[in-house]
N, C-alpha and C. Protein backbone atom coordinates (compact mmCIF):
# COMPACT_ATOMS: atom_id res chain seq x y z
N MET A 1 13.04 -1.60 8.91
CA MET A 1 12.59 -2.12 7.17
C MET A 1 12.80 -0.33 6.30
N GLU A 2 13.28 -0.14 5.26
CA GLU A 2 13.65 0.66 4.20
C GLU A 2 13.65 0.72 3.07
N VAL A 3 13.51 1.90 2.37
CA VAL A 3 13.30 2.11 0.95
C VAL A 3 13.81 3.34 0.20
N GLU A 4 14.40 3.17 -0.61
CA GLU A 4 14.34 4.27 -1.64
C GLU A 4 13.72 5.03 -3.03
N ALA A 5 14.37 6.67 -3.10
CA ALA A 5 13.51 7.00 -3.91
C ALA A 5 14.23 7.38 -4.97
N LEU A 6 14.07 7.52 -6.26
CA LEU A 6 15.92 8.27 -7.27
C LEU A 6 14.96 8.95 -8.06
N TRP A 7 14.54 9.81 -7.78
CA TRP A 7 13.84 10.68 -9.27
C TRP A 7 15.01 10.62 -10.54
N LYS A 8 14.61 10.46 -11.54
CA LYS A 8 14.87 9.30 -13.04
C LYS A 8 14.76 11.14 -13.70
N ARG A 9 13.76 11.61 -14.29
CA ARG A 9 13.33 13.19 -14.73
C ARG A 9 12.03 13.23 -14.57
N ASN A 10 11.60 13.85 -15.39
CA ASN A 10 9.79 14.74 -15.24
C ASN A 10 9.34 14.14 -14.10
N TYR A 11 8.68 14.13 -14.19
CA TYR A 11 7.75 13.48 -12.65
C TYR A 11 7.80 11.27 -12.58
N GLN A 12 8.54 10.85 -12.50
CA GLN A 12 9.01 10.09 -12.47
C GLN A 12 10.57 9.61 -11.91
N VAL A 13 9.90 8.59 -10.96
CA VAL A 13 11.32 8.28 -9.55
C VAL A 13 11.18 6.47 -9.84
N GLU A 14 12.22 6.07 -9.46
CA GLU A 14 12.42 4.96 -9.32
C GLU A 14 12.31 4.31 -8.02
N VAL A 15 11.56 3.23 -7.19
CA VAL A 15 11.59 3.33 -5.93
C VAL A 15 11.88 2.08 -5.79
N ARG A 16 12.79 2.22 -4.76
CA ARG A 16 13.83 0.30 -4.64
C ARG A 16 13.65 -0.17 -3.10
N ALA A 17 13.36 -1.72 -2.57
CA ALA A 17 13.14 -2.51 -1.51
C ALA A 17 13.79 -3.51 -2.12
N ARG A 18 14.84 -3.91 -1.06
CA ARG A 18 15.81 -4.90 -0.90
C ARG A 18 16.32 -4.98 -2.56
N GLN A 19 16.43 -6.21 -3.40
CA GLN A 19 16.25 -6.08 -4.44
C GLN A 19 15.57 -6.02 -5.69
N PHE A 20 14.15 -5.55 -4.85
CA PHE A 20 13.41 -4.69 -6.20
C PHE A 20 13.21 -3.33 -6.67
N SER A 21 12.99 -2.93 -7.64
CA SER A 21 12.77 -1.66 -8.48
C SER A 21 11.14 -2.18 -8.89
N VAL A 22 10.94 -0.53 -8.31
CA VAL A 22 8.94 -0.35 -9.41
C VAL A 22 9.24 1.25 -10.38
N ASN A 23 8.93 1.71 -11.55
CA ASN A 23 9.12 2.96 -11.67
C ASN A 23 7.78 3.53 -11.36
N VAL A 24 7.69 4.59 -11.04
CA VAL A 24 6.39 5.58 -10.29
C VAL A 24 6.06 6.50 -11.59
N ASP A 25 5.34 6.99 -11.41
CA ASP A 25 5.42 8.69 -12.43
C ASP A 25 3.68 9.01 -12.09
N GLU A 26 3.31 9.81 -12.61
CA GLU A 26 2.28 11.22 -12.22
C GLU A 26 1.56 10.38 -13.87
N ALA A 27 0.45 10.88 -13.71
CA ALA A 27 -1.11 10.27 -14.94
C ALA A 27 -0.79 11.64 -15.78
N PRO A 28 -1.03 11.85 -16.98
CA PRO A 28 -0.50 13.13 -17.80
C PRO A 28 -1.34 14.42 -17.20
N GLU A 29 -2.58 14.15 -16.74
CA GLU A 29 -3.36 14.94 -15.75
C GLU A 29 -2.17 15.86 -14.90
N PHE A 30 -1.39 15.24 -14.51
CA PHE A 30 -0.63 15.45 -13.06
C PHE A 30 0.85 15.67 -13.94
N HIS A 31 1.02 16.17 -15.17
CA HIS A 31 1.93 16.30 -15.99
C HIS A 31 3.24 15.19 -15.55
N GLY A 32 2.90 14.25 -15.54
CA GLY A 32 3.77 13.14 -15.83
C GLY A 32 3.56 12.22 -17.01
N GLU A 33 4.31 11.29 -17.92
CA GLU A 33 4.36 10.62 -19.11
C GLU A 33 3.67 8.86 -18.96
N ASP A 34 3.09 8.71 -17.33
CA ASP A 34 1.88 7.34 -17.48
C ASP A 34 3.17 6.55 -17.33
N THR A 35 4.18 6.13 -17.05
CA THR A 35 5.21 4.91 -17.49
C THR A 35 5.01 4.10 -15.77
N GLY A 36 4.45 5.16 -15.51
CA GLY A 36 4.27 3.80 -13.89
C GLY A 36 2.41 4.12 -13.00
N MET A 37 3.16 3.09 -11.89
CA MET A 37 1.68 4.01 -11.29
C MET A 37 2.19 5.00 -10.37
N MET A 38 0.74 5.69 -9.79
CA MET A 38 1.29 6.78 -9.57
C MET A 38 1.87 6.76 -7.59
N PRO A 39 2.28 7.61 -7.18
CA PRO A 39 2.49 6.85 -5.66
C PRO A 39 1.13 7.20 -5.20
N THR A 40 0.08 7.90 -4.91
CA THR A 40 -1.00 7.64 -4.73
C THR A 40 -1.78 6.00 -5.01
N GLU A 41 -1.28 5.57 -6.54
CA GLU A 41 -2.17 4.03 -6.42
C GLU A 41 -1.13 3.04 -5.49
N LEU A 42 0.02 3.69 -5.39
CA LEU A 42 1.29 2.41 -4.76
C LEU A 42 0.94 2.57 -3.93
N PHE A 43 0.20 3.70 -2.31
CA PHE A 43 -0.73 3.76 -1.37
C PHE A 43 -1.40 2.96 -1.23
N LEU A 44 -2.75 2.85 -2.09
CA LEU A 44 -3.66 1.71 -2.29
C LEU A 44 -3.40 0.37 -2.55
N CYS A 45 -2.25 0.56 -3.10
CA CYS A 45 -1.38 -1.09 -3.45
C CYS A 45 -0.91 -1.81 -2.45
N SER A 46 -0.52 -1.01 -1.62
CA SER A 46 0.54 -1.16 -0.18
C SER A 46 -1.08 -1.52 0.69
N LEU A 47 -1.92 -1.44 0.60
CA LEU A 47 -3.23 -1.60 1.08
C LEU A 47 -3.89 -2.79 0.91
N ALA A 48 -3.79 -2.53 -0.13
CA ALA A 48 -4.37 -3.97 -1.18
C ALA A 48 -4.03 -5.39 -0.62
N SER A 49 -2.54 -4.99 -0.93
CA SER A 49 -1.46 -6.46 -0.93
C SER A 49 -1.41 -6.45 0.43
N CYS A 50 -1.71 -5.71 1.20
CA CYS A 50 -0.90 -6.40 2.88
C CYS A 50 -2.03 -7.16 3.42
N PHE A 51 -3.48 -6.72 3.17
CA PHE A 51 -4.40 -6.48 3.35
C PHE A 51 -4.81 -8.16 3.40
N CYS A 52 -4.11 -8.65 2.35
CA CYS A 52 -4.88 -9.87 0.93
C CYS A 52 -4.05 -11.25 1.89
N LEU A 53 -2.88 -10.46 2.02
CA LEU A 53 -1.83 -11.33 2.75
C LEU A 53 -2.05 -11.49 4.21
N ALA A 54 -2.95 -10.39 5.19
CA ALA A 54 -3.02 -10.98 6.53
C ALA A 54 -4.40 -11.71 6.78
N ILE A 55 -4.70 -11.41 5.52
CA ILE A 55 -6.06 -12.54 5.41
C ILE A 55 -5.70 -14.32 4.90
N VAL A 56 -4.45 -14.01 3.85
CA VAL A 56 -4.33 -15.63 4.02
C VAL A 56 -3.78 -15.85 5.10
N TYR A 57 -2.77 -15.05 6.38
CA TYR A 57 -1.92 -15.57 7.36
C TYR A 57 -3.33 -15.90 8.44
N VAL A 58 -3.71 -15.34 7.86
CA VAL A 58 -5.13 -15.62 9.60
C VAL A 58 -5.85 -16.95 8.91
N ALA A 59 -6.45 -17.14 7.68
CA ALA A 59 -6.80 -18.30 7.33
C ALA A 59 -5.89 -19.98 7.36
N ARG A 60 -5.07 -19.87 7.33
CA ARG A 60 -3.61 -20.12 7.62
C ARG A 60 -3.51 -20.79 9.09
N LYS A 61 -4.11 -19.93 9.40
CA LYS A 61 -3.59 -20.30 11.11
C LYS A 61 -4.70 -21.03 11.83
N LYS A 62 -6.03 -20.94 11.08
CA LYS A 62 -7.24 -21.39 11.56
C LYS A 62 -7.21 -22.73 10.22
N ARG A 63 -6.16 -23.13 9.92
CA ARG A 63 -6.76 -24.04 8.63
C ARG A 63 -7.59 -24.18 7.65
N ILE A 64 -8.00 -22.85 6.82
CA ILE A 64 -8.97 -23.07 6.22
C ILE A 64 -8.26 -22.45 4.64
N GLU A 65 -8.65 -23.67 3.98
CA GLU A 65 -8.01 -23.21 2.57
C GLU A 65 -9.05 -21.93 1.54
N ILE A 66 -7.65 -21.31 1.11
CA ILE A 66 -8.51 -20.67 0.21
C ILE A 66 -8.04 -20.87 -0.85
N LYS A 67 -9.10 -20.59 -1.99
CA LYS A 67 -8.76 -21.46 -2.83
C LYS A 67 -8.64 -20.03 -4.33
N ASP A 68 -9.33 -18.68 -3.57
CA ASP A 68 -9.34 -17.85 -4.33
C ASP A 68 -9.86 -16.38 -3.29
N LEU A 69 -8.97 -15.30 -4.17
CA LEU A 69 -9.42 -14.10 -3.17
C LEU A 69 -8.35 -12.57 -3.55
N THR A 70 -9.70 -11.28 -3.72
CA THR A 70 -9.00 -10.50 -4.70
C THR A 70 -9.63 -9.30 -3.74
N VAL A 71 -8.87 -8.63 -3.56
CA VAL A 71 -9.05 -7.63 -2.40
C VAL A 71 -8.82 -6.06 -3.13
N LYS A 72 -9.78 -5.16 -2.80
CA LYS A 72 -9.76 -4.29 -4.21
C LYS A 72 -9.71 -2.64 -3.26
N VAL A 73 -9.20 -1.91 -3.39
CA VAL A 73 -8.97 -1.20 -2.84
C VAL A 73 -9.60 0.70 -3.61
N LYS A 74 -10.41 1.26 -2.95
CA LYS A 74 -10.51 2.27 -3.89
C LYS A 74 -10.32 3.57 -2.98
N GLY A 75 -10.35 4.53 -3.16
CA GLY A 75 -9.81 5.58 -2.12
C GLY A 75 -10.50 7.06 -3.29
N GLU A 76 -11.45 8.01 -2.06
CA GLU A 76 -11.52 9.03 -2.45
C GLU A 76 -10.40 10.15 -2.35
N LYS A 77 -9.21 10.93 -3.33
CA LYS A 77 -8.98 11.57 -2.98
C LYS A 77 -9.33 13.28 -2.68
N ASP A 78 -9.15 13.98 -1.46
CA ASP A 78 -9.34 15.65 -1.22
C ASP A 78 -8.29 15.86 -1.77
N LEU A 79 -8.41 16.62 -3.48
CA LEU A 79 -7.28 17.44 -3.56
C LEU A 79 -7.31 18.43 -3.59
N GLU A 80 -7.59 19.09 -2.81
CA GLU A 80 -7.49 20.68 -1.66
C GLU A 80 -6.52 20.24 -0.77
N ASN A 81 -6.82 19.41 0.24
CA ASN A 81 -6.05 18.97 1.15
C ASN A 81 -5.17 17.89 0.71
N PHE A 82 -4.57 17.13 -0.13
CA PHE A 82 -3.62 16.34 -0.67
C PHE A 82 -3.32 15.31 0.20
N LEU A 83 -4.82 14.57 0.55
CA LEU A 83 -4.91 13.31 1.30
C LEU A 83 -6.49 12.73 0.61
N PHE A 84 -6.83 11.27 1.19
CA PHE A 84 -7.39 10.41 0.93
C PHE A 84 -8.50 10.54 1.73
N SER A 85 -9.60 11.11 1.55
CA SER A 85 -10.63 11.57 2.59
C SER A 85 -11.52 10.29 3.44
N LYS A 86 -11.32 9.40 2.35
CA LYS A 86 -12.01 7.68 2.87
C LYS A 86 -11.13 6.91 1.63
N ILE A 87 -11.32 5.92 2.37
CA ILE A 87 -10.65 4.40 2.15
C ILE A 87 -11.85 3.30 1.96
N LEU A 88 -11.84 2.84 1.00
CA LEU A 88 -12.88 1.46 0.81
C LEU A 88 -12.28 0.43 0.57
N VAL A 89 -12.27 -0.81 1.27
CA VAL A 89 -11.34 -1.84 1.23
C VAL A 89 -12.91 -3.22 1.13
N CYS A 90 -12.76 -3.79 -0.05
CA CYS A 90 -13.67 -4.85 -0.53
C CYS A 90 -13.48 -6.02 -0.95
N VAL A 91 -13.70 -6.97 -0.75
CA VAL A 91 -12.81 -8.60 -0.40
C VAL A 91 -14.31 -9.50 -0.92
N PHE A 92 -13.24 -10.38 -1.91
CA PHE A 92 -14.28 -11.52 -2.64
C PHE A 92 -13.27 -12.27 -2.33
N SER A 93 -14.42 -13.55 -2.06
CA SER A 93 -13.83 -14.85 -2.01
C SER A 93 -15.28 -15.61 -1.84
N SER A 94 -14.31 -16.73 -2.21
CA SER A 94 -15.95 -18.45 -2.72
C SER A 94 -16.24 -18.78 -1.85
N LEU A 95 -15.48 -18.81 -0.45
CA LEU A 95 -15.47 -19.28 0.64
C LEU A 95 -17.25 -18.65 1.43
N PRO A 96 -17.43 -19.56 1.95
CA PRO A 96 -18.97 -18.46 2.73
C PRO A 96 -19.00 -17.31 3.67
N LEU A 97 -20.06 -16.68 3.07
CA LEU A 97 -20.01 -15.24 3.79
C LEU A 97 -19.91 -14.78 5.59
N GLY A 98 -20.07 -16.67 5.71
CA GLY A 98 -19.81 -15.99 7.42
C GLY A 98 -18.16 -16.22 7.70
N VAL A 99 -17.90 -17.15 6.84
CA VAL A 99 -15.67 -17.54 7.40
C VAL A 99 -15.11 -16.61 7.08
N MET A 100 -15.98 -16.05 6.14
CA MET A 100 -15.21 -14.17 5.58
C MET A 100 -14.91 -13.55 6.71
N GLU A 101 -16.43 -13.55 6.88
CA GLU A 101 -16.96 -12.18 8.15
C GLU A 101 -16.04 -12.76 9.13
N ASP A 102 -15.14 -13.33 9.11
CA ASP A 102 -14.37 -14.13 11.00
C ASP A 102 -13.42 -13.78 10.13
N LEU A 103 -12.84 -14.07 9.24
CA LEU A 103 -11.34 -13.96 8.53
C LEU A 103 -10.94 -12.34 8.84
N LEU A 104 -12.28 -12.08 8.15
CA LEU A 104 -11.67 -10.22 7.85
C LEU A 104 -11.56 -9.43 8.77
N GLY A 105 -12.40 -10.12 10.19
CA GLY A 105 -12.63 -9.15 11.69
C GLY A 105 -11.06 -10.03 12.21
N LEU A 106 -10.10 -10.58 12.01
CA LEU A 106 -8.86 -10.95 12.47
C LEU A 106 -8.19 -10.69 11.89
N ALA A 107 -8.47 -10.35 10.18
CA ALA A 107 -7.36 -10.08 9.86
C ALA A 107 -6.72 -8.17 9.69
N LYS A 108 -7.48 -7.90 10.40
CA LYS A 108 -7.63 -6.29 10.93
C LYS A 108 -6.59 -6.24 11.58
N ARG A 109 -6.68 -6.79 12.37
CA ARG A 109 -4.91 -7.17 13.81
C ARG A 109 -3.74 -7.25 12.83
N TYR A 110 -3.71 -8.06 11.75
CA TYR A 110 -2.43 -7.63 11.28
C TYR A 110 -1.88 -7.49 10.46
N CYS A 111 -2.56 -6.44 9.76
CA CYS A 111 -2.03 -5.93 8.58
C CYS A 111 -1.41 -4.23 8.87
N PHE A 112 -0.49 -4.29 8.41
CA PHE A 112 0.32 -3.46 8.84
C PHE A 112 0.00 -1.92 8.72
N VAL A 113 0.18 -1.84 7.21
CA VAL A 113 -0.44 -1.24 6.34
C VAL A 113 -1.63 -0.68 7.03
N SER A 114 -2.39 -1.42 6.63
CA SER A 114 -4.04 -0.47 7.22
C SER A 114 -3.81 -0.28 9.40
N ASN A 115 -2.95 -0.25 9.97
CA ASN A 115 -3.11 -0.04 11.59
C ASN A 115 -1.84 1.02 11.27
N THR A 116 -1.56 1.21 10.46
CA THR A 116 -1.02 2.72 10.58
C THR A 116 -1.05 3.44 10.31
N ILE A 117 -2.25 3.34 8.88
CA ILE A 117 -2.93 4.38 8.64
C ILE A 117 -3.63 5.09 9.57
N ILE A 118 -4.66 3.69 10.25
CA ILE A 118 -5.73 3.84 10.88
C ILE A 118 -5.31 4.35 12.41
N ASN A 119 -3.91 4.14 12.98
CA ASN A 119 -2.99 5.49 14.23
C ASN A 119 -2.43 6.10 13.89
N SER A 120 -2.37 6.49 12.91
CA SER A 120 -1.25 7.85 12.17
C SER A 120 -0.10 7.85 12.72
N CYS A 121 0.51 6.95 11.76
CA CYS A 121 1.94 6.80 12.36
C CYS A 121 2.79 8.32 12.76
N PRO A 122 3.58 9.12 13.40
CA PRO A 122 4.00 10.04 12.75
C PRO A 122 5.48 9.80 11.94
N ILE A 123 5.16 11.11 11.17
CA ILE A 123 6.84 11.21 10.55
C ILE A 123 7.44 12.20 10.75
N GLU A 124 8.87 11.50 10.46
CA GLU A 124 9.87 12.28 10.94
C GLU A 124 10.85 12.88 9.83
N TYR A 125 10.82 13.83 8.72
CA TYR A 125 12.07 14.65 8.41
C TYR A 125 13.46 15.18 8.41
N SER A 126 14.76 15.05 7.51
CA SER A 126 16.21 15.29 7.67
C SER A 126 16.52 15.57 6.27
N ILE A 127 17.28 16.04 6.40
CA ILE A 127 18.07 15.83 4.83
C ILE A 127 19.78 15.40 5.60
N GLY A 128 19.96 14.68 4.25
CA GLY A 128 21.53 14.06 4.33
C GLY A 128 22.26 14.86 3.62
N ASN A 129 23.49 14.62 3.78
CA ASN A 129 25.12 14.89 2.71
C ASN A 129 24.75 13.68 1.65
N LYS A 130 24.36 13.81 0.49
CA LYS A 130 24.38 12.99 -0.41
C LYS A 130 25.33 11.86 -0.24
N GLY A 131 26.49 12.25 0.15
CA GLY A 131 27.80 12.53 0.65
C GLY A 131 28.29 10.99 1.18
N GLU A 132 27.62 11.66 2.11
CA GLU A 132 27.57 10.24 3.99
C GLU A 132 26.11 9.24 4.12
N GLY A 133 25.48 9.71 3.37
CA GLY A 133 24.21 8.48 3.17
C GLY A 133 23.82 8.76 4.36
N ASN A 134 24.23 9.54 5.23
CA ASN A 134 23.83 8.91 7.21
C ASN A 134 22.10 9.79 7.58
N CYS A 135 21.27 9.23 6.73
CA CYS A 135 20.19 10.51 7.26
C CYS A 135 19.64 9.70 8.32
N LEU A 136 19.13 8.27 7.89
CA LEU A 136 18.38 7.26 8.55
C LEU A 136 18.89 7.02 9.76
């Protein structure tokens, strides 16, 4: 899997994955123009959407019909250390509480994003020559 970020101007970036693109910016309090979600919001969006799909995956395997499902994620920022100090994932559905608890427990196994956060994947950095494009 590979994504790409292209700087546009000021704090605006276009991120691309496959045939899709999203505009990213910072809020005015961080010197941006507020033309798109902030990277930290996209980070939380990735967690929310991945966990939502993990619940759907587990429900389908168990032949449980989901009529409504919302996953909200709240992150507490530690601005001094440039990281989230706490992340809360809250799941809403009209399914019975016991069913949702079962699905939530199983879905934790299938969420790539939360598993990567919890298990702290190493990141390697490198510099490529723009003309060659062979960094990765």
